[in-house]
């Protein structure tokens, strides 16, 4: 292949598959072409010269997530996102990836996709790598047309998603019909998730987030949009344990944002899980409520992500308004506050920490940094002063609710 003086790809190709076949013919190796999110766009017909990773990509129409993760860890993808030069990739046996050469397809300063050339029977030489760079230019011209169509589709999807979130598509029939018109599956079961960032999501961050969503295979991403410092997603679980699936997805996404892009202090909240698309707006409102409560009670809700896990926290607004209207004060709590004020003690705080730790004296004493005997003495005084039975579940729940209501804004 060293004798080419002209560009063998410098003529009109009807389809991207034709380009892949031509590259394979010139370089004498199997070729796959992907978009920037590792979705398969075209591949050359292959014989026995292939590997498990390529077969899985062709069958699933995208690169398996375990392969993508491995290519991030070994530095291949970060390199491809920063250079237009061919990158030699060593085999990664644990994910079925053989030796190959990869090159990015660029338009100005943006990566559109990648070409992968397998080195199974032949190792590409320097002259072959120069041809591969010419091949990338040929692929770029075909991909630009695909990108225009993709952008228009994304705009339609965004508009539809905001209508769903704001309740401007009212009937289930109308929602279902709109999903079908956009060639989207009607989700079931589904949830709306919100990722909250510490600053506004800029264009660069949008691309990184879109990449993560397009490459995940833990859940099905149906629609997503950006709103200042929030990423809002409509997603569907893949197993019979949707709550577990979606929670794992949120943890994994936050971890990858930190590890790959150094995007820190991101929080996730998810609304309820529903089967009928008429409840998409409701799930979104519940995700907003989760975020609001996590902001009010950051310590107590650190481990909480979903609306279904909030327990009594989801009712605090109702209880707060009711208490505000009635002017009711909890008798035992009032007595303890008055005692703390007169004697400069902290019995109220001790009681709250004790209840926060499910009445476990060992855990609570550690959290308060006091001896367990000191805690037991304080609990005895709390019972005496507040005329409170800390073995009575009803009394404990009631005073615990009032302790949390005291943290609500005036």
Protein backbone atom coordinates (compact mmCIF):
# COMPACT_ATOMS: atom_id res chain seq x y z
CA UNK A 1 0.00 0.00 0.00
CA UNK A 2 3.00 2.31 -0.01
CA UNK A 3 2.72 3.21 -3.70
CA UNK A 4 -0.32 5.48 -3.50
CA UNK A 5 0.58 8.98 -4.67
CA UNK A 6 -3.04 10.08 -5.04
CA UNK A 7 -5.83 10.17 -2.49
CA UNK A 8 -7.70 6.86 -2.99
CA UNK A 9 -10.72 8.33 -1.17
CA UNK A 10 -11.06 11.41 -3.33
CA UNK A 11 -14.28 10.57 -5.12
CA UNK A 12 -17.99 10.54 -4.39
CA UNK A 13 -19.33 7.85 -2.06
CA UNK A 14 -23.07 7.24 -1.91
CA UNK A 15 -23.06 5.85 1.60
CA UNK A 16 -20.82 5.83 4.65
CA UNK A 17 -20.69 2.03 4.33
CA UNK A 18 -19.03 2.52 0.93
CA UNK A 19 -16.32 4.63 2.58
CA UNK A 20 -15.74 1.94 5.22
CA UNK A 21 -15.39 -0.71 2.51
CA UNK A 22 -12.92 1.44 0.56
CA UNK A 23 -10.77 2.09 3.64
CA UNK A 24 -10.75 -1.64 4.40
CA UNK A 25 -9.76 -2.42 0.81
CA UNK A 26 -6.91 0.11 0.82
CA UNK A 27 -5.52 -0.76 4.27
CA UNK A 28 -6.35 -4.48 4.06
CA UNK A 29 -7.91 -4.65 7.52
CA UNK A 30 -11.42 -4.53 9.08
CA UNK A 31 -12.81 -1.01 9.62
CA UNK A 32 -15.52 0.43 11.87
CA UNK A 33 -16.74 4.03 11.89
CA UNK A 34 -18.42 5.48 14.99
CA UNK A 35 -19.90 8.83 15.99
CA UNK A 36 -18.42 10.75 18.91
CA UNK A 37 -20.69 8.85 21.32
CA UNK A 38 -19.41 5.48 20.06
CA UNK A 39 -22.56 4.54 18.16
CA UNK A 40 -21.77 2.44 15.11
CA UNK A 41 -22.32 4.30 11.84
CA UNK A 42 -20.71 1.93 9.34
CA UNK A 43 -18.40 -1.05 9.14
CA UNK A 44 -16.62 -3.03 6.47
CA UNK A 45 -17.71 -6.57 5.78
CA UNK A 46 -15.46 -8.91 7.68
CA UNK A 47 -14.30 -12.47 7.50
CA UNK A 48 -12.48 -14.24 10.31
CA UNK A 49 -10.26 -11.20 10.85
CA UNK A 50 -12.10 -9.69 13.81
CA UNK A 51 -12.29 -9.74 17.62
CA UNK A 52 -15.05 -10.01 20.26
CA UNK A 53 -15.21 -6.23 20.83
CA UNK A 54 -15.90 -5.55 17.14
CA UNK A 55 -18.50 -8.31 16.94
CA UNK A 56 -20.32 -6.92 20.02
CA UNK A 57 -20.21 -3.42 18.54
CA UNK A 58 -21.76 -4.59 15.27
CA UNK A 59 -24.46 -6.64 16.99
CA UNK A 60 -25.38 -3.93 19.49
CA UNK A 61 -24.83 -1.04 17.04
CA UNK A 62 -22.59 0.66 19.59
CA UNK A 63 -19.39 0.00 21.50
CA UNK A 64 -20.01 -1.97 24.73
CA UNK A 65 -19.76 0.21 27.84
CA UNK A 66 -17.06 -1.99 29.39
CA UNK A 67 -14.88 -1.39 26.31
CA UNK A 68 -15.44 2.38 26.48
CA UNK A 69 -14.51 2.41 30.18
CA UNK A 70 -11.32 0.46 29.47
CA UNK A 71 -10.35 2.88 26.68
CA UNK A 72 -10.82 5.79 29.06
CA UNK A 73 -8.71 4.11 31.74
CA UNK A 74 -5.81 3.32 29.39
CA UNK A 75 -5.84 6.90 28.04
CA UNK A 76 -6.93 6.09 24.46
CA UNK A 77 -10.12 8.17 24.37
CA UNK A 78 -8.59 11.23 26.10
CA UNK A 79 -5.83 11.15 23.42
CA UNK A 80 -8.36 10.84 20.59
CA UNK A 81 -10.20 13.89 21.91
CA UNK A 82 -7.04 15.99 21.71
CA UNK A 83 -5.31 14.99 18.47
CA UNK A 84 -6.07 14.26 14.82
CA UNK A 85 -3.10 11.89 14.59
CA UNK A 86 -3.61 8.10 14.47
CA UNK A 87 -3.36 6.40 17.87
CA UNK A 88 -2.04 2.87 18.30
CA UNK A 89 -4.18 0.90 20.76
CA UNK A 90 -2.76 -2.18 22.45
CA UNK A 91 -4.99 -5.19 23.04
CA UNK A 92 -7.11 -5.32 26.21
CA UNK A 93 -7.85 -9.02 26.64
CA UNK A 94 -10.36 -8.68 29.48
CA UNK A 95 -12.82 -6.82 27.22
CA UNK A 96 -12.03 -8.72 24.01
CA UNK A 97 -10.22 -5.84 22.32
CA UNK A 98 -7.41 -6.70 19.90
CA UNK A 99 -4.67 -4.44 18.56
CA UNK A 100 -5.99 -1.59 16.42
CA UNK A 101 -5.31 1.90 15.14
CA UNK A 102 -7.79 4.69 15.92
CA UNK A 103 -8.12 8.16 14.46
CA UNK A 104 -10.52 11.00 15.28
CA UNK A 105 -12.65 12.73 12.67
CA UNK A 106 -12.57 16.48 13.24
CA UNK A 107 -14.50 19.51 12.09
CA UNK A 108 -12.57 22.59 13.23
CA UNK A 109 -12.08 22.00 16.97
CA UNK A 110 -14.87 19.45 17.38
CA UNK A 111 -14.61 15.66 17.20
CA UNK A 112 -17.37 14.14 15.06
CA UNK A 113 -16.39 10.49 15.43
CA UNK A 114 -13.72 7.85 15.06
CA UNK A 115 -12.33 5.29 12.59
CA UNK A 116 -11.00 2.03 14.02
CA UNK A 117 -8.71 -0.22 11.98
CA UNK A 118 -8.01 -3.69 13.36
CA UNK A 119 -4.44 -4.97 13.19
CA UNK A 120 -5.04 -8.70 13.27
CA UNK A 121 -3.12 -10.10 10.32
CA UNK A 122 -1.26 -6.94 9.38
CA UNK A 123 0.44 -4.15 11.31
CA UNK A 124 -0.12 -0.77 9.68
CA UNK A 125 3.01 1.10 8.62
CA UNK A 126 3.66 4.84 8.52
CA UNK A 127 2.46 5.07 4.91
CA UNK A 128 -0.78 3.36 5.94
CA UNK A 129 -1.28 5.86 8.74
CA UNK A 130 -1.00 8.71 6.24
CA UNK A 131 -3.71 7.03 4.18
CA UNK A 132 -5.83 6.70 7.30
CA UNK A 133 -5.62 10.48 7.80
CA UNK A 134 -6.89 10.97 4.25
CA UNK A 135 -9.68 8.50 5.00
CA UNK A 136 -10.71 10.59 8.03
CA UNK A 137 -11.20 13.62 5.76
CA UNK A 138 -13.43 11.58 3.45
CA UNK A 139 -15.51 10.33 6.37
CA UNK A 140 -15.86 13.88 7.72
CA UNK A 141 -17.73 15.04 4.62
CA UNK A 142 -20.30 12.26 5.00
CA UNK A 143 -20.66 12.81 8.76
CA UNK A 144 -21.35 16.53 8.41
CA UNK A 145 -24.59 15.72 6.58
CA UNK A 146 -25.55 13.27 9.32
CA UNK A 147 -24.83 15.91 11.95
CA UNK A 148 -27.26 18.42 10.39
CA UNK A 149 -30.08 15.87 10.51
CA UNK A 150 -29.14 14.95 14.08
CA UNK A 151 -29.25 18.59 15.23
CA UNK A 152 -32.75 19.12 13.83
CA UNK A 153 -33.98 15.95 15.54
CA UNK A 154 -32.47 17.03 18.87
CA UNK A 155 -34.28 20.39 18.63
CA UNK A 156 -37.63 18.64 18.11
CA UNK A 157 -36.94 16.29 21.00
CA UNK A 158 -36.03 19.19 23.32
CA UNK A 159 -39.21 21.06 22.53
CA UNK A 160 -41.32 17.95 23.16
CA UNK A 161 -39.50 17.21 26.45
CA UNK A 162 -40.19 20.67 27.86
CA UNK A 163 -43.87 20.28 26.94
CA UNK A 164 -43.90 17.04 28.93
CA UNK A 165 -42.12 18.56 31.93
CA UNK A 166 -44.43 21.57 32.08
CA UNK A 167 -47.68 19.69 31.46
CA UNK A 168 -48.39 21.17 28.03
CA UNK A 169 -49.13 17.75 26.55
CA UNK A 170 -52.20 16.77 28.50
CA UNK A 171 -53.56 13.38 27.43
CA UNK A 172 -51.90 9.99 27.37
CA UNK A 173 -52.97 9.47 23.75
CA UNK A 174 -51.37 12.77 22.71
CA UNK A 175 -48.14 11.93 24.56
CA UNK A 176 -47.96 8.42 23.10
CA UNK A 177 -48.61 9.73 19.58
CA UNK A 178 -45.86 12.35 19.95
CA UNK A 179 -43.38 9.69 21.11
CA UNK A 180 -44.16 7.60 18.03
CA UNK A 181 -43.83 10.60 15.69
CA UNK A 182 -40.33 11.22 17.06
CA UNK A 183 -39.45 7.51 16.68
CA UNK A 184 -39.08 7.17 20.46
CA UNK A 185 -40.25 4.32 22.64
CA UNK A 186 -42.94 5.13 25.19
CA UNK A 187 -41.10 4.64 28.51
CA UNK A 188 -42.18 2.07 31.10
CA UNK A 189 -41.27 2.12 33.88
CA UNK A 190 -39.60 5.54 33.89
CA UNK A 191 -38.38 8.32 36.13
CA UNK A 192 -37.19 11.89 35.71
CA UNK A 193 -33.72 12.59 37.16
CA UNK A 194 -32.07 15.94 37.80
CA UNK A 195 -28.31 16.41 38.15
CA UNK A 196 -27.54 19.72 39.85
CA UNK A 197 -24.16 21.37 39.19
CA UNK A 198 -22.45 24.03 41.33
CA UNK A 199 -22.25 26.38 38.33
CA UNK A 200 -23.94 27.00 34.99
CA UNK A 201 -23.45 24.19 32.48
CA UNK A 202 -21.42 25.66 29.61
CA UNK A 203 -21.13 24.33 26.06
CA UNK A 204 -18.06 22.24 26.81
CA UNK A 205 -19.73 20.62 29.82
CA UNK A 206 -22.86 19.97 27.72
CA UNK A 207 -20.79 17.93 25.26
CA UNK A 208 -19.24 15.89 28.06
CA UNK A 209 -22.61 15.22 29.65
CA UNK A 210 -24.17 14.27 26.31
CA UNK A 211 -21.30 11.85 25.76
CA UNK A 212 -21.92 10.14 29.10
CA UNK A 213 -25.64 9.83 28.43
CA UNK A 214 -25.15 8.49 24.91
CA UNK A 215 -22.63 5.87 26.01
CA UNK A 216 -24.31 4.56 29.16
CA UNK A 217 -25.89 1.13 28.89
CA UNK A 218 -27.12 0.88 32.49
CA UNK A 219 -30.46 2.51 31.67
CA UNK A 220 -32.26 3.75 28.55
CA UNK A 221 -31.96 7.51 28.07
CA UNK A 222 -35.11 8.71 26.29
CA UNK A 223 -34.89 12.52 26.46
CA UNK A 224 -32.66 15.05 28.18
CA UNK A 225 -32.21 18.80 28.35
CA UNK A 226 -30.05 21.44 30.06
CA UNK A 227 -31.45 24.24 32.19
CA UNK A 228 -28.80 26.66 33.50
CA UNK A 229 -27.11 24.50 36.19
CA UNK A 230 -29.28 21.40 35.77
CA UNK A 231 -29.27 18.34 33.56
CA UNK A 232 -32.80 16.90 33.36
CA UNK A 233 -33.26 13.35 32.06
CA UNK A 234 -36.20 11.10 31.25
CA UNK A 235 -34.93 7.55 31.56
CA UNK A 236 -36.24 4.03 31.67
CA UNK A 237 -34.87 1.09 33.62
CA UNK A 238 -33.82 -2.13 31.94
CA UNK A 239 -34.53 -4.67 34.69
CA UNK A 240 -37.30 -5.59 37.11
CA UNK A 241 -35.58 -3.50 39.82
CA UNK A 242 -35.94 0.03 38.37
CA UNK A 243 -35.19 1.94 41.59
CA UNK A 244 -31.90 0.07 42.03
CA UNK A 245 -30.99 0.48 38.33
CA UNK A 246 -31.60 4.21 38.29
CA UNK A 247 -29.83 4.84 41.60
CA UNK A 248 -26.76 2.92 40.34
CA UNK A 249 -26.87 5.05 37.19
CA UNK A 250 -26.85 8.29 39.22
CA UNK A 251 -23.93 7.11 41.38
CA UNK A 252 -21.98 5.94 38.32
CA UNK A 253 -22.58 9.20 36.46
CA UNK A 254 -21.44 11.36 39.38
CA UNK A 255 -18.32 9.19 39.78
CA UNK A 256 -17.44 9.41 36.07
CA UNK A 257 -17.98 13.18 36.01
CA UNK A 258 -15.42 13.43 38.79
CA UNK A 259 -12.91 10.88 37.44
CA UNK A 260 -13.00 11.80 33.74
CA UNK A 261 -13.76 15.51 33.74
CA UNK A 262 -13.03 16.70 37.30
CA UNK A 263 -16.62 17.97 37.61
CA UNK A 264 -17.23 17.86 41.36
CA UNK A 265 -20.00 18.61 43.87
CA UNK A 266 -22.74 17.33 41.56
CA UNK A 267 -25.91 16.11 43.26
CA UNK A 268 -28.63 13.86 41.84
CA UNK A 269 -32.33 13.62 42.58
CA UNK A 270 -34.95 11.36 41.02
CA UNK A 271 -38.72 11.56 40.97
CA UNK A 272 -41.13 8.71 41.40
CA UNK A 273 -41.13 5.67 39.12
CA UNK A 274 -44.24 5.42 36.94
CA UNK A 275 -45.55 3.36 34.03
CA UNK A 276 -47.94 5.80 32.34
CA UNK A 277 -46.33 8.73 30.45
CA UNK A 278 -49.07 11.01 31.79
CA UNK A 279 -47.03 11.11 35.02
CA UNK A 280 -43.82 12.50 33.50
CA UNK A 281 -44.61 16.00 34.82
CA UNK A 282 -45.33 14.54 38.29
CA UNK A 283 -42.03 12.66 38.35
CA UNK A 284 -40.21 15.87 37.37
CA UNK A 285 -41.89 17.85 40.17
CA UNK A 286 -40.95 15.13 42.65
CA UNK A 287 -37.30 15.26 41.51
CA UNK A 288 -37.38 19.04 42.10
CA UNK A 289 -38.83 18.41 45.58
CA UNK A 290 -36.04 15.94 46.38
CA UNK A 291 -33.41 18.51 45.45
CA UNK A 292 -35.15 21.19 47.53
CA UNK A 293 -35.23 18.95 50.61
CA UNK A 294 -31.62 17.86 50.12
CA UNK A 295 -30.68 21.53 50.12
CA UNK A 296 -32.64 22.18 53.33
CA UNK A 297 -31.42 19.07 55.13
CA UNK A 298 -28.02 18.28 53.59
CA UNK A 299 -26.73 16.17 56.48
CA UNK A 300 -29.87 14.08 56.99
CA UNK A 301 -30.44 13.43 53.27
CA UNK A 302 -26.88 12.72 52.13
CA UNK A 303 -27.71 9.13 51.19
CA UNK A 304 -31.16 9.92 49.76
CA UNK A 305 -31.61 10.22 46.00
CA UNK A 306 -35.16 9.27 45.13
CA UNK A 307 -38.55 10.65 46.10
CA UNK A 308 -39.61 7.24 47.39
CA UNK A 309 -36.74 7.31 49.94
CA UNK A 310 -37.67 10.67 51.48
CA UNK A 311 -40.08 9.17 53.99
CA UNK A 312 -41.63 11.84 56.21
CA UNK A 313 -39.45 14.56 54.65
CA UNK A 314 -41.84 14.71 51.70
CA UNK A 315 -44.62 15.79 54.09
CA UNK A 316 -42.68 18.46 56.00
CA UNK A 317 -44.05 21.36 53.94
CA UNK A 318 -47.62 20.31 54.71
CA UNK A 319 -46.87 19.84 58.42
CA UNK A 320 -44.98 23.12 58.57
CA UNK A 321 -47.86 25.09 57.08
CA UNK A 322 -50.31 23.35 59.39
CA UNK A 323 -48.20 24.19 62.45
CA UNK A 324 -47.77 27.76 61.25
CA UNK A 325 -51.53 28.25 60.87
CA UNK A 326 -52.41 26.65 64.21
CA UNK A 327 -49.52 28.12 66.19
CA UNK A 328 -49.10 24.74 67.91
CA UNK A 329 -45.92 24.17 69.92
CA UNK A 330 -44.75 20.73 71.02
CA UNK A 331 -44.97 20.62 74.82
CA UNK A 332 -41.91 18.45 75.56
CA UNK A 333 -39.72 20.20 72.99
CA UNK A 334 -40.68 23.63 74.35
CA UNK A 335 -39.71 22.58 77.89
CA UNK A 336 -36.34 21.27 76.69
CA UNK A 337 -35.62 24.50 74.76
CA UNK A 338 -36.43 26.59 77.82
CA UNK A 339 -34.17 24.41 79.98
CA UNK A 340 -31.28 24.72 77.47
CA UNK A 341 -31.70 28.48 77.40
CA UNK A 342 -31.70 28.85 81.21
CA UNK A 343 -28.81 26.46 81.87
CA UNK A 344 -26.70 26.80 78.68
CA UNK A 345 -27.06 23.08 77.96
CA UNK A 346 -27.64 21.29 74.65
CA UNK A 347 -30.27 18.70 75.43
CA UNK A 348 -32.29 19.49 72.28
CA UNK A 349 -29.28 18.87 70.04
CA UNK A 350 -28.47 15.67 71.97
CA UNK A 351 -32.02 14.40 71.46
CA UNK A 352 -31.95 15.16 67.73
CA UNK A 353 -28.64 13.36 67.19
CA UNK A 354 -29.90 10.40 69.21
CA UNK A 355 -33.03 10.14 67.06
CA UNK A 356 -31.02 10.76 63.86
CA UNK A 357 -29.09 7.58 64.71
CA UNK A 358 -32.24 5.49 65.21
CA UNK A 359 -31.95 5.61 69.03
CA UNK A 360 -28.63 3.77 68.90
CA UNK A 361 -26.65 5.04 71.91
CA UNK A 362 -23.31 3.73 70.57
CA UNK A 363 -23.60 5.56 67.22
CA UNK A 364 -25.08 8.69 68.77
CA UNK A 365 -22.35 8.96 71.45
CA UNK A 366 -19.70 8.74 68.71
CA UNK A 367 -21.45 11.44 66.68
CA UNK A 368 -21.66 13.69 69.75
CA UNK A 369 -18.09 12.81 70.75
CA UNK A 370 -19.13 11.99 74.32
CA UNK A 371 -18.93 8.87 76.49
CA UNK A 372 -21.89 6.52 76.29
CA UNK A 373 -22.53 7.01 80.05
CA UNK A 374 -22.74 10.77 79.50
CA UNK A 375 -25.27 10.24 76.76
CA UNK A 376 -27.36 7.92 78.92
CA UNK A 377 -27.37 10.54 81.68
CA UNK A 378 -28.50 13.24 79.24
CA UNK A 379 -31.26 11.00 77.85
CA UNK A 380 -32.50 10.42 81.40
CA UNK A 381 -32.60 14.19 82.00
CA UNK A 382 -34.37 14.72 78.64
CA UNK A 383 -37.06 12.23 79.67
CA UNK A 384 -37.48 13.88 83.07
CA UNK A 385 -37.48 17.52 81.95
CA UNK A 386 -39.54 16.97 78.80
CA UNK A 387 -41.86 14.44 80.47
CA UNK A 388 -41.06 12.27 77.50
CA UNK A 389 -41.01 8.48 77.10
CA UNK A 390 -38.18 7.71 74.67
CA UNK A 391 -39.32 4.08 74.43
CA UNK A 392 -42.68 5.14 73.02
CA UNK A 393 -42.48 5.15 69.21
CA UNK A 394 -45.36 7.60 68.78
CA UNK A 395 -43.76 10.15 71.12
CA UNK A 396 -40.36 9.76 69.47
CA UNK A 397 -41.72 10.21 65.93
CA UNK A 398 -43.78 13.26 66.95
CA UNK A 399 -40.95 15.13 68.64
CA UNK A 400 -38.55 14.14 65.83
CA UNK A 401 -40.88 15.72 63.27
CA UNK A 402 -41.03 18.92 65.32
CA UNK A 403 -37.24 18.98 65.59
CA UNK A 404 -37.01 18.85 61.78
CA UNK A 405 -39.77 21.43 61.34
CA UNK A 406 -37.66 23.84 63.41
CA UNK A 407 -35.08 23.75 60.59
CA UNK A 408 -37.62 24.91 58.04
CA UNK A 409 -37.30 28.55 56.88
CA UNK A 410 -39.55 31.13 58.51
